[in-house]
Amino acid sequence: MGSVKDLTIKRPATEDLEGIGVFKFTDDYSVFDYGKMPDTIPNKGEALCRMAAYNFKELEKQKIKSHFRKLDSGNKMEVDIVRVLFPQKDELKPGMRNYLVPLEVIFRNSLPEGSSVFKRLAKGETTLEQLGLEKTPHPGEKLALPIMDVSTKLEPTDRYLTWKEAAEIACLNQAEIEDLKEKALEINNFLTKKADEIGLEHADGKVEFAMNPKRKLILVDVCGTLDENRFLYNGIHVSKQILRDYYKTTPWHEVIESEKAEGKGHGEFTVPPRLPKELIDITSNMYKSVCETWTGEKHWNVPSIEETMNQYKTFLEKSKEA
């Protein structure tokens, strides 16, 4: 069970055999590691599922293997599943097979306002050299070449790693780390090109991998959706970022950031406010319109991406005046 999708196991995984599972994408959402938020976004789950399935099938044509098996229904997909082994519990050893690589690989093509890079640079948690940058970036800056970050996956709070640390935690050799990086960049290039075709800018995103029973890297979880990636339309966020941005304007965000800093958790001691109905409707249309345009399949009678984002722009202007 996750905060935005549930997994039903039909056949457990072993070291020698992939399991079989079904992802059910819900209309729930999560921000700031809080977990399930109080509202739902109508049809969000189906839009994410259809968009993810499309990406898996297109990437397969480019020789990027994944755990995708088939689309079961609008909001369900069948996938191969692997074992989840925790490095911090000493469960993962070199040479093991059929396991989730305990890393998130983040690629960045630009640095929109809200990118964690700015916060990490300000706190001294990373350097320009580590990011492969020659000068301090500014919000909205497009990068000449994508940069990649890597973080933990199976720890209570994700933390950024060096690639050497990542290899050690995931029990990968240098050739496997380079293969992982190469695959991540190929996925990023596919998503960037696809976004450009429909008038969106692909700012950043993340991917996850697993080692299959033959100890070959495969793409797992989902990729190229409005929850895993940040897209922009004429500088306006077209992703889950619009929900983060809304909550950043509320006192609740200040409270949870304070709780995190004091080591009290991730907002367990306060309840987030509900979203305005207008923003729920706009967000729902955003997920659906991008899904339809991205996949070329019509499932809902919704406004275009342009109309939806103009509605969001109007919402923001009214919010500033209030």
C-alpha atoms as a PDB file:
ATOM      1  CA  MET A   1       0.000   0.000   0.000  1.00  0.00           C
ATOM      2  CA  GLY A   2       1.354   3.418  -0.924  1.00  0.00           C
ATOM      3  CA  SER A   3       0.194   6.992  -0.579  1.00  0.00           C
ATOM      4  CA  VAL A   4      -0.895   7.196  -4.244  1.00  0.00           C
ATOM      5  CA  LYS A   5      -0.947   3.613  -5.537  1.00  0.00           C
ATOM      6  CA  ASP A   6      -1.581   0.187  -4.064  1.00  0.00           C
ATOM      7  CA  LEU A   7       0.130  -3.092  -4.947  1.00  0.00           C
ATOM      8  CA  THR A   8      -1.639  -6.444  -4.955  1.00  0.00           C
ATOM      9  CA  ILE A   9       0.731  -9.427  -5.128  1.00  0.00           C
ATOM     10  CA  LYS A  10      -0.499 -12.279  -7.336  1.00  0.00           C
ATOM     11  CA  ARG A  11       2.771 -14.241  -7.173  1.00  0.00           C
ATOM     12  CA  PRO A  12       5.630 -13.478  -4.747  1.00  0.00           C
ATOM     13  CA  ALA A  13       9.113 -12.833  -6.103  1.00  0.00           C
ATOM     14  CA  THR A  14      12.076 -15.108  -5.432  1.00  0.00           C
ATOM     15  CA  GLU A  15      15.739 -14.695  -6.352  1.00  0.00           C
ATOM     16  CA  ASP A  16      15.223 -16.870  -9.429  1.00  0.00           C
ATOM     17  CA  LEU A  17      11.754 -15.775 -10.536  1.00  0.00           C
ATOM     18  CA  GLU A  18       9.935 -12.473 -10.968  1.00  0.00           C
ATOM     19  CA  GLY A  19       6.718 -12.179  -9.023  1.00  0.00           C
ATOM     20  CA  ILE A  20       3.527 -10.772 -10.513  1.00  0.00           C
ATOM     21  CA  GLY A  21       1.665  -7.831  -9.049  1.00  0.00           C
ATOM     22  CA  VAL A  22      -1.019  -5.305  -9.918  1.00  0.00           C
ATOM     23  CA  PHE A  23      -0.599  -1.585  -9.340  1.00  0.00           C
ATOM     24  CA  LYS A  24      -3.859   0.233  -8.610  1.00  0.00           C
ATOM     25  CA  PHE A  25      -3.453   3.974  -9.096  1.00  0.00           C
ATOM     26  CA  THR A  26      -5.661   5.959  -6.719  1.00  0.00           C
ATOM     27  CA  ASP A  27      -6.911   9.529  -6.887  1.00  0.00           C
ATOM     28  CA  ASP A  28      -4.969  10.343  -3.703  1.00  0.00           C
ATOM     29  CA  TYR A  29      -1.922  12.577  -3.615  1.00  0.00           C
ATOM     30  CA  SER A  30       0.987  13.250  -1.297  1.00  0.00           C
ATOM     31  CA  VAL A  31       3.245  16.276  -0.792  1.00  0.00           C
ATOM     32  CA  PHE A  32       6.287  16.920   1.420  1.00  0.00           C
ATOM     33  CA  ASP A  33       6.495  13.253   2.496  1.00  0.00           C
ATOM     34  CA  TYR A  34       3.327  13.731   4.565  1.00  0.00           C
ATOM     35  CA  GLY A  35       1.458  10.735   3.186  1.00  0.00           C
ATOM     36  CA  LYS A  36      -2.150  10.693   2.031  1.00  0.00           C
ATOM     37  CA  MET A  37      -3.642  14.179   1.967  1.00  0.00           C
ATOM     38  CA  PRO A  38      -7.289  14.955   2.880  1.00  0.00           C
ATOM     39  CA  ASP A  39      -8.634  15.465  -0.666  1.00  0.00           C
ATOM     40  CA  THR A  40      -8.693  13.361  -3.819  1.00  0.00           C
ATOM     41  CA  ILE A  41      -8.151  14.517  -7.411  1.00  0.00           C
ATOM     42  CA  PRO A  42     -10.861  12.957  -9.652  1.00  0.00           C
ATOM     43  CA  ASN A  43      -9.446  10.632 -12.362  1.00  0.00           C
ATOM     44  CA  LYS A  44      -5.857  11.398 -11.361  1.00  0.00           C
ATOM     45  CA  GLY A  45      -5.095   7.693 -10.860  1.00  0.00           C
ATOM     46  CA  GLU A  46      -6.352   6.647 -14.269  1.00  0.00           C
ATOM     47  CA  ALA A  47      -4.516   9.497 -15.989  1.00  0.00           C
ATOM     48  CA  LEU A  48      -1.235   8.501 -14.320  1.00  0.00           C
ATOM     49  CA  CYS A  49      -1.734   4.810 -15.098  1.00  0.00           C
ATOM     50  CA  ARG A  50      -2.486   5.352 -18.780  1.00  0.00           C
ATOM     51  CA  MET A  51       0.413   7.780 -19.198  1.00  0.00           C
ATOM     52  CA  ALA A  52       2.845   5.411 -17.450  1.00  0.00           C
ATOM     53  CA  ALA A  53       1.695   2.421 -19.533  1.00  0.00           C
ATOM     54  CA  TYR A  54       2.196   4.417 -22.735  1.00  0.00           C
ATOM     55  CA  ASN A  55       5.742   5.349 -21.669  1.00  0.00           C
ATOM     56  CA  PHE A  56       6.659   1.755 -20.804  1.00  0.00           C
ATOM     57  CA  LYS A  57       5.494   0.563 -24.217  1.00  0.00           C
ATOM     58  CA  GLU A  58       7.330   3.320 -26.093  1.00  0.00           C
ATOM     59  CA  LEU A  59      10.537   2.782 -24.104  1.00  0.00           C
ATOM     60  CA  GLU A  60      10.357  -0.948 -24.853  1.00  0.00           C
ATOM     61  CA  LYS A  61      10.653  -0.014 -28.539  1.00  0.00           C
ATOM     62  CA  GLN A  62      13.907   1.750 -27.624  1.00  0.00           C
ATOM     63  CA  LYS A  63      15.259  -1.394 -25.915  1.00  0.00           C
ATOM     64  CA  ILE A  64      14.621  -0.092 -22.381  1.00  0.00           C
ATOM     65  CA  LYS A  65      13.340  -3.155 -20.551  1.00  0.00           C
ATOM     66  CA  SER A  66      10.872  -2.665 -17.687  1.00  0.00           C
ATOM     67  CA  HIS A  67       8.651  -4.597 -15.321  1.00  0.00           C
ATOM     68  CA  PHE A  68       5.489  -3.603 -17.246  1.00  0.00           C
ATOM     69  CA  ARG A  69       3.325  -6.542 -18.333  1.00  0.00           C
ATOM     70  CA  LYS A  70      -0.025  -5.072 -19.424  1.00  0.00           C
ATOM     71  CA  LEU A  71      -2.700  -2.488 -18.709  1.00  0.00           C
ATOM     72  CA  ASP A  72      -5.416  -4.288 -16.736  1.00  0.00           C
ATOM     73  CA  SER A  73      -7.952  -1.439 -16.791  1.00  0.00           C
ATOM     74  CA  GLY A  74      -7.986   2.346 -16.714  1.00  0.00           C
ATOM     75  CA  ASN A  75      -6.266   2.620 -13.343  1.00  0.00           C
ATOM     76  CA  LYS A  76      -4.626  -0.817 -12.988  1.00  0.00           C
ATOM     77  CA  MET A  77      -1.513  -2.304 -14.580  1.00  0.00           C
ATOM     78  CA  GLU A  78       0.072  -5.713 -14.178  1.00  0.00           C
ATOM     79  CA  VAL A  79       3.811  -5.708 -13.500  1.00  0.00           C
ATOM     80  CA  ASP A  80       6.667  -8.050 -12.695  1.00  0.00           C
ATOM     81  CA  ILE A  81       7.731  -7.610  -9.087  1.00  0.00           C
ATOM     82  CA  VAL A  82      11.108  -8.077  -7.442  1.00  0.00           C
ATOM     83  CA  ARG A  83      12.281  -8.539  -3.892  1.00  0.00           C
ATOM     84  CA  VAL A  84      12.681  -5.508  -1.622  1.00  0.00           C
ATOM     85  CA  LEU A  85      15.920  -5.921   0.341  1.00  0.00           C
ATOM     86  CA  PHE A  86      16.970  -3.259   2.847  1.00  0.00           C
ATOM     87  CA  PRO A  87      20.687  -2.299   2.816  1.00  0.00           C
ATOM     88  CA  GLN A  88      20.407  -0.815   6.322  1.00  0.00           C
ATOM     89  CA  LYS A  89      19.260  -4.217   7.600  1.00  0.00           C
ATOM     90  CA  ASP A  90      22.187  -5.911   5.836  1.00  0.00           C
ATOM     91  CA  GLU A  91      19.740  -7.851   3.632  1.00  0.00           C
ATOM     92  CA  LEU A  92      21.408  -6.897   0.344  1.00  0.00           C
ATOM     93  CA  LYS A  93      24.671  -8.576  -0.663  1.00  0.00           C
ATOM     94  CA  PRO A  94      26.882  -8.287  -3.783  1.00  0.00           C
ATOM     95  CA  GLY A  95      25.854 -10.620  -6.598  1.00  0.00           C
ATOM     96  CA  MET A  96      22.234 -10.981  -5.517  1.00  0.00           C
ATOM     97  CA  ARG A  97      19.500 -11.054  -8.180  1.00  0.00           C
ATOM     98  CA  ASN A  98      15.891  -9.989  -8.610  1.00  0.00           C
ATOM     99  CA  TYR A  99      15.822  -7.064  -6.199  1.00  0.00           C
ATOM    100  CA  LEU A 100      14.813  -3.420  -6.149  1.00  0.00           C
ATOM    101  CA  VAL A 101      17.855  -1.188  -6.589  1.00  0.00           C
ATOM    102  CA  PRO A 102      17.487   0.990  -3.463  1.00  0.00           C
ATOM    103  CA  LEU A 103      18.106   4.263  -5.296  1.00  0.00           C
ATOM    104  CA  GLU A 104      16.180   7.069  -6.946  1.00  0.00           C
ATOM    105  CA  VAL A 105      17.913   8.586  -9.969  1.00  0.00           C
ATOM    106  CA  ILE A 106      16.945  12.204 -10.601  1.00  0.00           C
ATOM    107  CA  PHE A 107      17.650  13.943 -13.911  1.00  0.00           C
ATOM    108  CA  ARG A 108      17.408  17.708 -14.340  1.00  0.00           C
ATOM    109  CA  ASN A 109      17.144  19.567 -17.649  1.00  0.00           C
ATOM    110  CA  SER A 110      16.377  22.932 -16.078  1.00  0.00           C
ATOM    111  CA  LEU A 111      16.088  24.336 -12.594  1.00  0.00           C
ATOM    112  CA  PRO A 112      12.596  25.783 -12.128  1.00  0.00           C
ATOM    113  CA  GLU A 113      11.672  27.712  -9.021  1.00  0.00           C
ATOM    114  CA  GLY A 114      11.074  25.151  -6.301  1.00  0.00           C
ATOM    115  CA  SER A 115      13.906  22.846  -7.384  1.00  0.00           C
ATOM    116  CA  SER A 116      15.636  21.287  -4.381  1.00  0.00           C
ATOM    117  CA  VAL A 117      19.000  22.159  -5.945  1.00  0.00           C
ATOM    118  CA  PHE A 118      18.728  25.762  -4.749  1.00  0.00           C
ATOM    119  CA  LYS A 119      18.009  24.750  -1.147  1.00  0.00           C
ATOM    120  CA  ARG A 120      20.852  22.212  -1.142  1.00  0.00           C
ATOM    121  CA  LEU A 121      23.346  24.720  -2.566  1.00  0.00           C
ATOM    122  CA  ALA A 122      22.301  27.315   0.025  1.00  0.00           C
ATOM    123  CA  LYS A 123      22.762  24.816   2.864  1.00  0.00           C
ATOM    124  CA  GLY A 124      26.084  23.560   1.544  1.00  0.00           C
ATOM    125  CA  GLU A 125      24.654  20.068   1.038  1.00  0.00           C
ATOM    126  CA  THR A 126      26.016  19.959  -2.513  1.00  0.00           C
ATOM    127  CA  THR A 127      28.471  21.917  -4.625  1.00  0.00           C
ATOM    128  CA  LEU A 128      28.550  23.227  -8.178  1.00  0.00           C
ATOM    129  CA  GLU A 129      31.347  20.759  -8.938  1.00  0.00           C
ATOM    130  CA  GLN A 130      29.294  17.796  -7.679  1.00  0.00           C
ATOM    131  CA  LEU A 131      26.384  18.906  -9.878  1.00  0.00           C
ATOM    132  CA  GLY A 132      28.634  19.452 -12.879  1.00  0.00           C
ATOM    133  CA  LEU A 133      27.838  23.176 -13.022  1.00  0.00           C
ATOM    134  CA  GLU A 134      30.349  25.943 -13.721  1.00  0.00           C
ATOM    135  CA  LYS A 135      28.346  28.785 -12.166  1.00  0.00           C
ATOM    136  CA  THR A 136      25.552  29.296  -9.666  1.00  0.00           C
ATOM    137  CA  PRO A 137      22.231  28.688 -11.466  1.00  0.00           C
ATOM    138  CA  HIS A 138      19.152  30.882 -11.220  1.00  0.00           C
ATOM    139  CA  PRO A 139      15.475  29.814 -11.061  1.00  0.00           C
ATOM    140  CA  GLY A 140      14.173  28.953 -14.515  1.00  0.00           C
ATOM    141  CA  GLU A 141      17.609  28.354 -15.980  1.00  0.00           C
ATOM    142  CA  LYS A 142      17.794  25.707 -18.695  1.00  0.00           C
ATOM    143  CA  LEU A 143      20.915  23.559 -18.534  1.00  0.00           C
ATOM    144  CA  ALA A 144      23.203  22.956 -21.496  1.00  0.00           C
ATOM    145  CA  LEU A 145      23.359  19.280 -20.530  1.00  0.00           C
ATOM    146  CA  PRO A 146      21.185  17.293 -18.089  1.00  0.00           C
ATOM    147  CA  ILE A 147      22.594  16.764 -14.621  1.00  0.00           C
ATOM    148  CA  MET A 148      21.890  13.673 -12.552  1.00  0.00           C
ATOM    149  CA  ASP A 149      21.476  13.201  -8.827  1.00  0.00           C
ATOM    150  CA  VAL A 150      21.036   9.991  -6.893  1.00  0.00           C
ATOM    151  CA  SER A 151      19.331   9.454  -3.534  1.00  0.00           C
ATOM    152  CA  THR A 152      18.331   6.631  -1.228  1.00  0.00           C
ATOM    153  CA  LYS A 153      15.025   4.865  -1.758  1.00  0.00           C
ATOM    154  CA  LEU A 154      14.340   2.624   1.235  1.00  0.00           C
ATOM    155  CA  GLU A 155      15.217   4.920   4.133  1.00  0.00           C
ATOM    156  CA  PRO A 156      12.622   6.820   6.239  1.00  0.00           C
ATOM    157  CA  THR A 157      13.722  10.075   4.569  1.00  0.00           C
ATOM    158  CA  ASP A 158      15.473  10.154   1.190  1.00  0.00           C
ATOM    159  CA  ARG A 159      19.020  11.535   1.297  1.00  0.00           C
ATOM    160  CA  TYR A 160      21.306  12.444  -1.574  1.00  0.00           C
ATOM    161  CA  LEU A 161      24.375  10.320  -2.226  1.00  0.00           C
ATOM    162  CA  THR A 162      27.593  10.424  -4.191  1.00  0.00           C
ATOM    163  CA  TRP A 163      27.715   7.870  -7.003  1.00  0.00           C
ATOM    164  CA  LYS A 164      30.356   5.952  -5.052  1.00  0.00           C
ATOM    165  CA  GLU A 165      28.035   5.748  -2.044  1.00  0.00           C
ATOM    166  CA  ALA A 166      25.156   4.757  -4.331  1.00  0.00           C
ATOM    167  CA  ALA A 167      27.145   1.877  -5.806  1.00  0.00           C
ATOM    168  CA  GLU A 168      28.061   0.599  -2.356  1.00  0.00           C
ATOM    169  CA  ILE A 169      24.507   0.785  -0.980  1.00  0.00           C
ATOM    170  CA  ALA A 170      22.980  -0.879  -4.056  1.00  0.00           C
ATOM    171  CA  CYS A 171      25.761  -3.495  -4.434  1.00  0.00           C
ATOM    172  CA  LEU A 172      26.470  -2.411  -8.017  1.00  0.00           C
ATOM    173  CA  ASN A 173      29.839  -2.509  -9.742  1.00  0.00           C
ATOM    174  CA  GLN A 174      31.176   0.384 -11.814  1.00  0.00           C
ATOM    175  CA  ALA A 175      29.883  -1.048 -15.115  1.00  0.00           C
ATOM    176  CA  GLU A 176      26.393  -1.469 -13.630  1.00  0.00           C
ATOM    177  CA  ILE A 177      26.378   2.091 -12.278  1.00  0.00           C
ATOM    178  CA  GLU A 178      27.366   3.386 -15.721  1.00  0.00           C
ATOM    179  CA  ASP A 179      24.616   1.264 -17.306  1.00  0.00           C
ATOM    180  CA  LEU A 180      22.105   2.720 -14.826  1.00  0.00           C
ATOM    181  CA  LYS A 181      23.191   6.281 -15.665  1.00  0.00           C
ATOM    182  CA  GLU A 182      23.026   5.600 -19.412  1.00  0.00           C
ATOM    183  CA  LYS A 183      19.517   4.149 -19.171  1.00  0.00           C
ATOM    184  CA  ALA A 184      18.349   7.081 -17.031  1.00  0.00           C
ATOM    185  CA  LEU A 185      19.631   9.556 -19.633  1.00  0.00           C
ATOM    186  CA  GLU A 186      17.959   7.634 -22.480  1.00  0.00           C
ATOM    187  CA  ILE A 187      14.652   7.745 -20.581  1.00  0.00           C
ATOM    188  CA  ASN A 188      15.139  11.440 -19.905  1.00  0.00           C
ATOM    189  CA  ASN A 189      15.820  12.105 -23.596  1.00  0.00           C
ATOM    190  CA  PHE A 190      12.666  10.234 -24.635  1.00  0.00           C
ATOM    191  CA  LEU A 191      10.505  12.154 -22.154  1.00  0.00           C
ATOM    192  CA  THR A 192      12.058  15.499 -23.073  1.00  0.00           C
ATOM    193  CA  LYS A 193      11.436  14.934 -26.782  1.00  0.00           C
ATOM    194  CA  LYS A 194       7.854  13.757 -26.174  1.00  0.00           C
ATOM    195  CA  ALA A 195       7.100  16.749 -23.956  1.00  0.00           C
ATOM    196  CA  ASP A 196       8.472  19.124 -26.579  1.00  0.00           C
ATOM    197  CA  GLU A 197       6.175  17.573 -29.192  1.00  0.00           C
ATOM    198  CA  ILE A 198       3.081  18.576 -27.180  1.00  0.00           C
ATOM    199  CA  GLY A 199       4.309  22.030 -26.162  1.00  0.00           C
ATOM    200  CA  LEU A 200       5.671  21.245 -22.698  1.00  0.00           C
ATOM    201  CA  GLU A 201       9.115  21.709 -21.185  1.00  0.00           C
ATOM    202  CA  HIS A 202      10.455  18.696 -19.273  1.00  0.00           C
ATOM    203  CA  ALA A 203      12.246  20.220 -16.293  1.00  0.00           C
ATOM    204  CA  ASP A 204      13.159  17.187 -14.200  1.00  0.00           C
ATOM    205  CA  GLY A 205      12.078  13.741 -13.097  1.00  0.00           C
ATOM    206  CA  LYS A 206      13.098  10.539 -11.392  1.00  0.00           C
ATOM    207  CA  VAL A 207      13.366   6.851 -12.228  1.00  0.00           C
ATOM    208  CA  GLU A 208      13.871   3.629 -10.305  1.00  0.00           C
ATOM    209  CA  PHE A 209      15.471   0.372 -11.371  1.00  0.00           C
ATOM    210  CA  ALA A 210      15.694  -3.259 -10.342  1.00  0.00           C
ATOM    211  CA  MET A 211      17.989  -6.180 -11.019  1.00  0.00           C
ATOM    212  CA  ASN A 212      16.027  -9.011 -12.654  1.00  0.00           C
ATOM    213  CA  PRO A 213      16.736 -12.740 -12.086  1.00  0.00           C
ATOM    214  CA  LYS A 214      19.458 -12.579 -14.775  1.00  0.00           C
ATOM    215  CA  ARG A 215      21.006  -9.582 -12.943  1.00  0.00           C
ATOM    216  CA  LYS A 216      20.090  -7.179 -15.724  1.00  0.00           C
ATOM    217  CA  LEU A 217      18.851  -3.670 -14.968  1.00  0.00           C
ATOM    218  CA  ILE A 218      15.180  -3.006 -15.693  1.00  0.00           C
ATOM    219  CA  LEU A 219      13.028   0.100 -15.223  1.00  0.00           C
ATOM    220  CA  VAL A 220      10.451  -0.245 -12.417  1.00  0.00           C
ATOM    221  CA  ASP A 221       7.737   1.726 -10.629  1.00  0.00           C
ATOM    222  CA  VAL A 222       6.520   4.337 -13.170  1.00  0.00           C
ATOM    223  CA  CYS A 223       8.118   7.197 -15.083  1.00  0.00           C
ATOM    224  CA  GLY A 224       7.176  10.242 -17.104  1.00  0.00           C
ATOM    225  CA  THR A 225       3.997  11.186 -15.252  1.00  0.00           C
ATOM    226  CA  LEU A 226       2.918  14.426 -13.595  1.00  0.00           C
ATOM    227  CA  ASP A 227       3.801  12.931 -10.198  1.00  0.00           C
ATOM    228  CA  GLU A 228       7.305  11.680 -11.037  1.00  0.00           C
ATOM    229  CA  ASN A 229       8.288  14.542 -13.345  1.00  0.00           C
ATOM    230  CA  ARG A 230       7.995  18.295 -13.527  1.00  0.00           C
ATOM    231  CA  PHE A 231       6.758  19.783 -16.776  1.00  0.00           C
ATOM    232  CA  LEU A 232       6.101  23.439 -17.579  1.00  0.00           C
ATOM    233  CA  TYR A 233       3.812  25.256 -19.985  1.00  0.00           C
ATOM    234  CA  ASN A 234       5.046  28.786 -20.752  1.00  0.00           C
ATOM    235  CA  GLY A 235       6.851  28.784 -17.413  1.00  0.00           C
ATOM    236  CA  ILE A 236       3.858  27.507 -15.424  1.00  0.00           C
ATOM    237  CA  HIS A 237       4.177  24.190 -13.612  1.00  0.00           C
ATOM    238  CA  VAL A 238       2.194  21.329 -15.141  1.00  0.00           C
ATOM    239  CA  SER A 239       2.693  18.677 -12.464  1.00  0.00           C
ATOM    240  CA  LYS A 240       2.059  17.848  -8.827  1.00  0.00           C
ATOM    241  CA  GLN A 241       4.217  20.898  -8.124  1.00  0.00           C
ATOM    242  CA  ILE A 242       1.094  23.098  -8.300  1.00  0.00           C
ATOM    243  CA  LEU A 243      -0.205  21.317  -5.175  1.00  0.00           C
ATOM    244  CA  ARG A 244       3.139  21.791  -3.398  1.00  0.00           C
ATOM    245  CA  ASP A 245       3.061  25.475  -4.361  1.00  0.00           C
ATOM    246  CA  TYR A 246      -0.438  25.895  -2.923  1.00  0.00           C
ATOM    247  CA  TYR A 247       0.494  24.335   0.393  1.00  0.00           C
ATOM    248  CA  LYS A 248       3.635  26.465   0.613  1.00  0.00           C
ATOM    249  CA  THR A 249       1.291  29.456   1.023  1.00  0.00           C
ATOM    250  CA  THR A 250      -0.409  27.905   4.084  1.00  0.00           C
ATOM    251  CA  PRO A 251       0.654  27.967   7.762  1.00  0.00           C
ATOM    252  CA  TRP A 252       0.586  24.151   7.671  1.00  0.00           C
ATOM    253  CA  HIS A 253       3.727  24.069   5.530  1.00  0.00           C
ATOM    254  CA  GLU A 254       5.627  26.175   8.058  1.00  0.00           C
ATOM    255  CA  VAL A 255       4.560  23.818  10.845  1.00  0.00           C
ATOM    256  CA  ILE A 256       5.682  20.617   9.093  1.00  0.00           C
ATOM    257  CA  GLU A 257       9.004  22.159   8.077  1.00  0.00           C
ATOM    258  CA  SER A 258       9.553  23.124  11.706  1.00  0.00           C
ATOM    259  CA  GLU A 259       8.632  19.612  12.861  1.00  0.00           C
ATOM    260  CA  LYS A 260      11.103  18.082  10.410  1.00  0.00           C
ATOM    261  CA  ALA A 261      13.863  20.418  11.599  1.00  0.00           C
ATOM    262  CA  GLU A 262      13.143  19.446  15.225  1.00  0.00           C
ATOM    263  CA  GLY A 263      13.130  15.750  14.385  1.00  0.00           C
ATOM    264  CA  LYS A 264       9.455  15.315  15.180  1.00  0.00           C
ATOM    265  CA  GLY A 265       8.514  13.692  11.901  1.00  0.00           C
ATOM    266  CA  HIS A 266       6.730  14.842   8.750  1.00  0.00           C
ATOM    267  CA  GLY A 267       3.620  16.654   9.902  1.00  0.00           C
ATOM    268  CA  GLU A 268       2.089  13.949  12.060  1.00  0.00           C
ATOM    269  CA  PHE A 269       1.239  16.551  14.662  1.00  0.00           C
ATOM    270  CA  THR A 270      -0.856  18.809  12.463  1.00  0.00           C
ATOM    271  CA  VAL A 271      -3.601  18.300   9.879  1.00  0.00           C
ATOM    272  CA  PRO A 272      -3.254  19.832   6.387  1.00  0.00           C
ATOM    273  CA  PRO A 273      -6.052  22.121   5.177  1.00  0.00           C
ATOM    274  CA  ARG A 274      -8.292  20.991   2.332  1.00  0.00           C
ATOM    275  CA  LEU A 275      -7.793  22.293  -1.191  1.00  0.00           C
ATOM    276  CA  PRO A 276     -10.173  24.853  -2.715  1.00  0.00           C
ATOM    277  CA  LYS A 277     -12.681  23.103  -4.996  1.00  0.00           C
ATOM    278  CA  GLU A 278     -11.600  25.281  -7.925  1.00  0.00           C
ATOM    279  CA  LEU A 279      -8.005  24.067  -7.584  1.00  0.00           C
ATOM    280  CA  ILE A 280      -9.161  20.430  -7.354  1.00  0.00           C
ATOM    281  CA  ASP A 281     -11.091  20.829 -10.624  1.00  0.00           C
ATOM    282  CA  ILE A 282      -8.160  22.540 -12.364  1.00  0.00           C
ATOM    283  CA  THR A 283      -5.710  19.888 -11.145  1.00  0.00           C
ATOM    284  CA  SER A 284      -7.993  17.067 -12.289  1.00  0.00           C
ATOM    285  CA  ASN A 285      -8.279  18.632 -15.754  1.00  0.00           C
ATOM    286  CA  MET A 286      -4.504  19.116 -15.852  1.00  0.00           C
ATOM    287  CA  TYR A 287      -3.825  15.409 -15.261  1.00  0.00           C
ATOM    288  CA  LYS A 288      -6.476  14.344 -17.779  1.00  0.00           C
ATOM    289  CA  SER A 289      -5.615  16.830 -20.534  1.00  0.00           C
ATOM    290  CA  VAL A 290      -1.895  16.020 -20.396  1.00  0.00           C
ATOM    291  CA  CYS A 291      -2.646  12.276 -20.413  1.00  0.00           C
ATOM    292  CA  GLU A 292      -4.893  12.571 -23.475  1.00  0.00           C
ATOM    293  CA  THR A 293      -2.452  14.769 -25.388  1.00  0.00           C
ATOM    294  CA  TRP A 294       0.556  12.647 -24.420  1.00  0.00           C
ATOM    295  CA  THR A 295      -0.996   9.287 -25.349  1.00  0.00           C
ATOM    296  CA  GLY A 296      -3.202  10.453 -28.217  1.00  0.00           C
ATOM    297  CA  GLU A 297      -6.206   8.687 -26.624  1.00  0.00           C
ATOM    298  CA  LYS A 298      -9.447  10.430 -25.617  1.00  0.00           C
ATOM    299  CA  HIS A 299     -11.106   9.239 -22.406  1.00  0.00           C
ATOM    300  CA  TRP A 300     -12.633  12.394 -20.924  1.00  0.00           C
ATOM    301  CA  ASN A 301     -14.307  15.535 -22.214  1.00  0.00           C
ATOM    302  CA  VAL A 302     -11.766  18.005 -20.837  1.00  0.00           C
ATOM    303  CA  PRO A 303     -10.292  21.368 -21.851  1.00  0.00           C
ATOM    304  CA  SER A 304      -6.938  21.453 -23.644  1.00  0.00           C
ATOM    305  CA  ILE A 305      -3.646  21.857 -21.787  1.00  0.00           C
ATOM    306  CA  GLU A 306      -3.597  25.517 -22.852  1.00  0.00           C
ATOM    307  CA  GLU A 307      -7.120  26.191 -21.554  1.00  0.00           C
ATOM    308  CA  THR A 308      -6.464  24.355 -18.306  1.00  0.00           C
ATOM    309  CA  MET A 309      -3.238  26.192 -17.561  1.00  0.00           C
ATOM    310  CA  ASN A 310      -4.863  29.529 -18.382  1.00  0.00           C
ATOM    311  CA  GLN A 311      -7.526  28.652 -15.782  1.00  0.00           C
ATOM    312  CA  TYR A 312      -4.752  27.899 -13.298  1.00  0.00           C
ATOM    313  CA  LYS A 313      -3.038  31.206 -14.093  1.00  0.00           C
ATOM    314  CA  THR A 314      -6.317  33.022 -13.402  1.00  0.00           C
ATOM    315  CA  PHE A 315      -6.671  31.092 -10.121  1.00  0.00           C
ATOM    316  CA  LEU A 316      -3.203  32.221  -9.047  1.00  0.00           C
ATOM    317  CA  GLU A 317      -3.938  35.846  -9.908  1.00  0.00           C
ATOM    318  CA  LYS A 318      -7.180  35.770  -7.884  1.00  0.00           C
ATOM    319  CA  SER A 319      -5.349  34.150  -4.955  1.00  0.00           C
ATOM    320  CA  LYS A 320      -2.771  36.947  -4.876  1.00  0.00           C
ATOM    321  CA  GLU A 321      -5.532  39.574  -4.819  1.00  0.00           C
ATOM    322  CA  ALA A 322      -7.433  37.857  -1.979  1.00  0.00           C
END
